[in-house]
Amino acid sequence: MNRKYELMFIVRPDMVDEDLNKLISTLESSVTSAGGTAKSEVWGKRRLAYRVGKFNDGIFVLMLIEATGATVHEVERRLRVTEPVIKFLTVRTDEELKRLDKVKKLRDAKKKVSAQPAAAAAAPVTPIAPATPEAAAETPASAPV
């Protein structure tokens, strides 16, 4: 069963663009050969939050993968043995998307339920005016604060 994953990995800041593109295409081809889909975005060189190894900077790459768990496990194994990769993190996002859809449906259902009684109670309300002009003069226009 194919699931959706986000895979973020960081490579060394001194890695050449050609080598980075070769690494990305290798990972994407391993996913597609296993029957999944992969799309990647290179975020570029960024400062790391803390020193990793001897690096303060790294090139960030985000891959959106739709594949089986075994395929993702194989991609993670390849990242582990690839020397230029400093760090990587894989997050399964399909469960989160299902949860967000469920929350959205509940909110929509609550809006529909709360809108029905409010529509019935939204009859035009007219303010009560004083019966005589003398009573209108006696009521203050604004109350003291």
C-alpha atoms as a PDB file:
ATOM      1  CA  MET A   1       0.000   0.000   0.000  1.00  0.00           C
ATOM      2  CA  ASN A   2       1.481   3.327  -1.055  1.00  0.00           C
ATOM      3  CA  ARG A   3       1.716   6.007   1.595  1.00  0.00           C
ATOM      4  CA  LYS A   4       2.912   9.587   1.501  1.00  0.00           C
ATOM      5  CA  TYR A   5       6.214  10.584   3.088  1.00  0.00           C
ATOM      6  CA  GLU A   6       8.318  13.707   3.351  1.00  0.00           C
ATOM      7  CA  LEU A   7      12.044  13.056   3.338  1.00  0.00           C
ATOM      8  CA  MET A   8      14.340  15.933   4.218  1.00  0.00           C
ATOM      9  CA  PHE A   9      18.056  15.399   3.934  1.00  0.00           C
ATOM     10  CA  ILE A  10      21.060  17.675   4.302  1.00  0.00           C
ATOM     11  CA  VAL A  11      24.232  17.234   2.303  1.00  0.00           C
ATOM     12  CA  ARG A  12      27.659  18.789   2.739  1.00  0.00           C
ATOM     13  CA  PRO A  13      27.824  22.478   1.771  1.00  0.00           C
ATOM     14  CA  ASP A  14      30.805  21.914  -0.542  1.00  0.00           C
ATOM     15  CA  MET A  15      29.022  19.323  -2.693  1.00  0.00           C
ATOM     16  CA  VAL A  16      29.036  20.122  -6.421  1.00  0.00           C
ATOM     17  CA  ASP A  17      25.641  20.666  -8.105  1.00  0.00           C
ATOM     18  CA  GLU A  18      26.258  17.846 -10.586  1.00  0.00           C
ATOM     19  CA  ASP A  19      26.915  15.372  -7.771  1.00  0.00           C
ATOM     20  CA  LEU A  20      23.839  16.586  -5.898  1.00  0.00           C
ATOM     21  CA  ASN A  21      21.651  16.160  -8.984  1.00  0.00           C
ATOM     22  CA  LYS A  22      23.102  12.680  -9.516  1.00  0.00           C
ATOM     23  CA  LEU A  23      22.309  11.718  -5.900  1.00  0.00           C
ATOM     24  CA  ILE A  24      18.745  13.046  -6.180  1.00  0.00           C
ATOM     25  CA  SER A  25      18.117  11.267  -9.480  1.00  0.00           C
ATOM     26  CA  THR A  26      19.486   8.012  -8.026  1.00  0.00           C
ATOM     27  CA  LEU A  27      17.120   8.235  -5.063  1.00  0.00           C
ATOM     28  CA  GLU A  28      14.156   9.140  -7.279  1.00  0.00           C
ATOM     29  CA  SER A  29      14.897   6.270  -9.659  1.00  0.00           C
ATOM     30  CA  SER A  30      15.042   3.794  -6.764  1.00  0.00           C
ATOM     31  CA  VAL A  31      11.582   4.962  -5.664  1.00  0.00           C
ATOM     32  CA  THR A  32      10.076   4.847  -9.160  1.00  0.00           C
ATOM     33  CA  SER A  33      11.574   1.416  -9.901  1.00  0.00           C
ATOM     34  CA  ALA A  34       9.777   0.093  -6.812  1.00  0.00           C
ATOM     35  CA  GLY A  35       6.435   1.418  -8.075  1.00  0.00           C
ATOM     36  CA  GLY A  36       6.282   4.722  -6.217  1.00  0.00           C
ATOM     37  CA  THR A  37       6.499   8.381  -7.141  1.00  0.00           C
ATOM     38  CA  ALA A  38       9.020  10.960  -5.976  1.00  0.00           C
ATOM     39  CA  LYS A  39       9.316  14.698  -6.387  1.00  0.00           C
ATOM     40  CA  SER A  40      12.220  16.703  -5.003  1.00  0.00           C
ATOM     41  CA  GLU A  41      12.982  20.326  -4.231  1.00  0.00           C
ATOM     42  CA  VAL A  42      16.437  21.692  -3.522  1.00  0.00           C
ATOM     43  CA  TRP A  43      16.137  24.406  -0.871  1.00  0.00           C
ATOM     44  CA  GLY A  44      19.738  25.476  -1.214  1.00  0.00           C
ATOM     45  CA  LYS A  45      22.481  26.196   1.280  1.00  0.00           C
ATOM     46  CA  ARG A  46      21.300  27.162   4.775  1.00  0.00           C
ATOM     47  CA  ARG A  47      22.804  27.549   8.201  1.00  0.00           C
ATOM     48  CA  LEU A  48      22.281  24.583  10.522  1.00  0.00           C
ATOM     49  CA  ALA A  49      20.745  25.085  13.959  1.00  0.00           C
ATOM     50  CA  TYR A  50      23.733  23.357  15.542  1.00  0.00           C
ATOM     51  CA  ARG A  51      27.075  22.031  14.396  1.00  0.00           C
ATOM     52  CA  VAL A  52      26.833  18.600  12.746  1.00  0.00           C
ATOM     53  CA  GLY A  53      30.175  16.893  12.443  1.00  0.00           C
ATOM     54  CA  LYS A  54      32.391  19.715  11.297  1.00  0.00           C
ATOM     55  CA  PHE A  55      29.706  21.571   9.316  1.00  0.00           C
ATOM     56  CA  ASN A  56      27.790  24.723  10.229  1.00  0.00           C
ATOM     57  CA  ASP A  57      26.008  24.923   6.832  1.00  0.00           C
ATOM     58  CA  GLY A  58      24.357  22.388   4.596  1.00  0.00           C
ATOM     59  CA  ILE A  59      22.381  22.031   1.376  1.00  0.00           C
ATOM     60  CA  PHE A  60      18.785  21.087   2.174  1.00  0.00           C
ATOM     61  CA  VAL A  61      16.760  18.803  -0.117  1.00  0.00           C
ATOM     62  CA  LEU A  62      13.077  17.897   0.348  1.00  0.00           C
ATOM     63  CA  MET A  63      11.659  14.804  -1.337  1.00  0.00           C
ATOM     64  CA  LEU A  64       7.943  14.079  -1.424  1.00  0.00           C
ATOM     65  CA  ILE A  65       7.568  10.324  -1.794  1.00  0.00           C
ATOM     66  CA  GLU A  66       4.511   8.182  -2.368  1.00  0.00           C
ATOM     67  CA  ALA A  67       5.595   4.560  -1.948  1.00  0.00           C
ATOM     68  CA  THR A  68       5.524   1.543   0.329  1.00  0.00           C
ATOM     69  CA  GLY A  69       7.330   1.405   3.646  1.00  0.00           C
ATOM     70  CA  ALA A  70       9.912  -1.025   2.289  1.00  0.00           C
ATOM     71  CA  THR A  71      10.810   1.417  -0.485  1.00  0.00           C
ATOM     72  CA  VAL A  72      11.290   4.251   1.992  1.00  0.00           C
ATOM     73  CA  HIS A  73      13.380   1.955   4.174  1.00  0.00           C
ATOM     74  CA  GLU A  74      15.638   1.251   1.176  1.00  0.00           C
ATOM     75  CA  VAL A  75      15.988   4.999   0.439  1.00  0.00           C
ATOM     76  CA  GLU A  76      16.929   5.616   4.082  1.00  0.00           C
ATOM     77  CA  ARG A  77      19.516   2.839   3.897  1.00  0.00           C
ATOM     78  CA  ARG A  78      21.048   4.468   0.823  1.00  0.00           C
ATOM     79  CA  LEU A  79      21.163   7.836   2.590  1.00  0.00           C
ATOM     80  CA  ARG A  80      22.875   6.249   5.606  1.00  0.00           C
ATOM     81  CA  VAL A  81      25.724   4.861   3.492  1.00  0.00           C
ATOM     82  CA  THR A  82      26.115   7.945   1.287  1.00  0.00           C
ATOM     83  CA  GLU A  83      29.034   9.940   2.680  1.00  0.00           C
ATOM     84  CA  PRO A  84      27.984  13.498   1.643  1.00  0.00           C
ATOM     85  CA  VAL A  85      24.653  13.181   3.499  1.00  0.00           C
ATOM     86  CA  ILE A  86      24.960  14.815   6.922  1.00  0.00           C
ATOM     87  CA  LYS A  87      21.454  14.202   8.294  1.00  0.00           C
ATOM     88  CA  PHE A  88      18.061  12.991   7.101  1.00  0.00           C
ATOM     89  CA  LEU A  89      14.563  12.728   8.485  1.00  0.00           C
ATOM     90  CA  THR A  90      11.540  10.896   7.098  1.00  0.00           C
ATOM     91  CA  VAL A  91       8.000  11.753   8.180  1.00  0.00           C
ATOM     92  CA  ARG A  92       4.866   9.879   7.162  1.00  0.00           C
ATOM     93  CA  THR A  93       2.269  12.493   6.208  1.00  0.00           C
ATOM     94  CA  ASP A  94      -0.731  10.465   5.038  1.00  0.00           C
ATOM     95  CA  GLU A  95      -2.049   9.906   8.580  1.00  0.00           C
ATOM     96  CA  GLU A  96      -1.772  13.624   9.283  1.00  0.00           C
ATOM     97  CA  LEU A  97      -3.708  14.430   6.097  1.00  0.00           C
ATOM     98  CA  LYS A  98      -6.441  11.972   7.106  1.00  0.00           C
ATOM     99  CA  ARG A  99      -6.640  13.568  10.548  1.00  0.00           C
ATOM    100  CA  LEU A 100      -6.880  17.061   9.084  1.00  0.00           C
ATOM    101  CA  ASP A 101      -9.668  15.963   6.716  1.00  0.00           C
ATOM    102  CA  LYS A 102     -11.569  14.456   9.651  1.00  0.00           C
ATOM    103  CA  VAL A 103     -11.211  17.658  11.699  1.00  0.00           C
ATOM    104  CA  LYS A 104     -12.367  19.735   8.722  1.00  0.00           C
ATOM    105  CA  LYS A 105     -15.479  17.563   8.272  1.00  0.00           C
ATOM    106  CA  LEU A 106     -16.327  17.905  11.975  1.00  0.00           C
ATOM    107  CA  ARG A 107     -15.958  21.686  11.792  1.00  0.00           C
ATOM    108  CA  ASP A 108     -18.168  21.870   8.708  1.00  0.00           C
ATOM    109  CA  ALA A 109     -20.802  19.708  10.396  1.00  0.00           C
ATOM    110  CA  LYS A 110     -20.753  21.945  13.492  1.00  0.00           C
ATOM    111  CA  LYS A 111     -21.098  25.050  11.323  1.00  0.00           C
ATOM    112  CA  LYS A 112     -24.128  23.581   9.561  1.00  0.00           C
ATOM    113  CA  VAL A 113     -25.781  22.622  12.860  1.00  0.00           C
ATOM    114  CA  SER A 114     -25.107  25.984  14.481  1.00  0.00           C
ATOM    115  CA  ALA A 115     -26.206  27.897  11.365  1.00  0.00           C
ATOM    116  CA  GLN A 116     -29.690  26.321  11.285  1.00  0.00           C
ATOM    117  CA  PRO A 117     -30.946  27.580  14.708  1.00  0.00           C
ATOM    118  CA  ALA A 118     -29.225  30.917  14.189  1.00  0.00           C
ATOM    119  CA  ALA A 119     -31.063  31.398  10.895  1.00  0.00           C
ATOM    120  CA  ALA A 120     -34.406  30.776  12.603  1.00  0.00           C
ATOM    121  CA  ALA A 121     -33.548  33.145  15.449  1.00  0.00           C
ATOM    122  CA  ALA A 122     -32.303  35.839  13.094  1.00  0.00           C
ATOM    123  CA  ALA A 123     -35.740  37.357  12.629  1.00  0.00           C
ATOM    124  CA  PRO A 124     -35.608  41.139  12.292  1.00  0.00           C
ATOM    125  CA  VAL A 125     -35.557  42.788  15.698  1.00  0.00           C
ATOM    126  CA  THR A 126     -36.952  46.303  15.973  1.00  0.00           C
ATOM    127  CA  PRO A 127     -35.864  48.525  18.836  1.00  0.00           C
ATOM    128  CA  ILE A 128     -38.567  49.568  21.267  1.00  0.00           C
ATOM    129  CA  ALA A 129     -39.314  53.263  20.928  1.00  0.00           C
ATOM    130  CA  PRO A 130     -40.836  55.361  23.714  1.00  0.00           C
ATOM    131  CA  ALA A 131     -44.598  55.682  23.463  1.00  0.00           C
ATOM    132  CA  THR A 132     -44.721  59.466  23.938  1.00  0.00           C
ATOM    133  CA  PRO A 133     -42.384  62.265  22.901  1.00  0.00           C
ATOM    134  CA  GLU A 134     -42.060  63.366  26.556  1.00  0.00           C
ATOM    135  CA  ALA A 135     -40.678  59.930  27.483  1.00  0.00           C
ATOM    136  CA  ALA A 136     -38.164  60.187  24.656  1.00  0.00           C
ATOM    137  CA  ALA A 137     -36.933  63.536  26.007  1.00  0.00           C
ATOM    138  CA  GLU A 138     -36.529  62.100  29.513  1.00  0.00           C
ATOM    139  CA  THR A 139     -34.299  59.160  28.472  1.00  0.00           C
ATOM    140  CA  PRO A 140     -30.658  60.207  28.202  1.00  0.00           C
ATOM    141  CA  ALA A 141     -28.944  59.750  24.831  1.00  0.00           C
ATOM    142  CA  SER A 142     -25.793  58.400  26.406  1.00  0.00           C
ATOM    143  CA  ALA A 143     -25.246  57.076  29.870  1.00  0.00           C
ATOM    144  CA  PRO A 144     -22.430  58.587  31.928  1.00  0.00           C
ATOM    145  CA  VAL A 145     -19.308  56.488  32.089  1.00  0.00           C
END
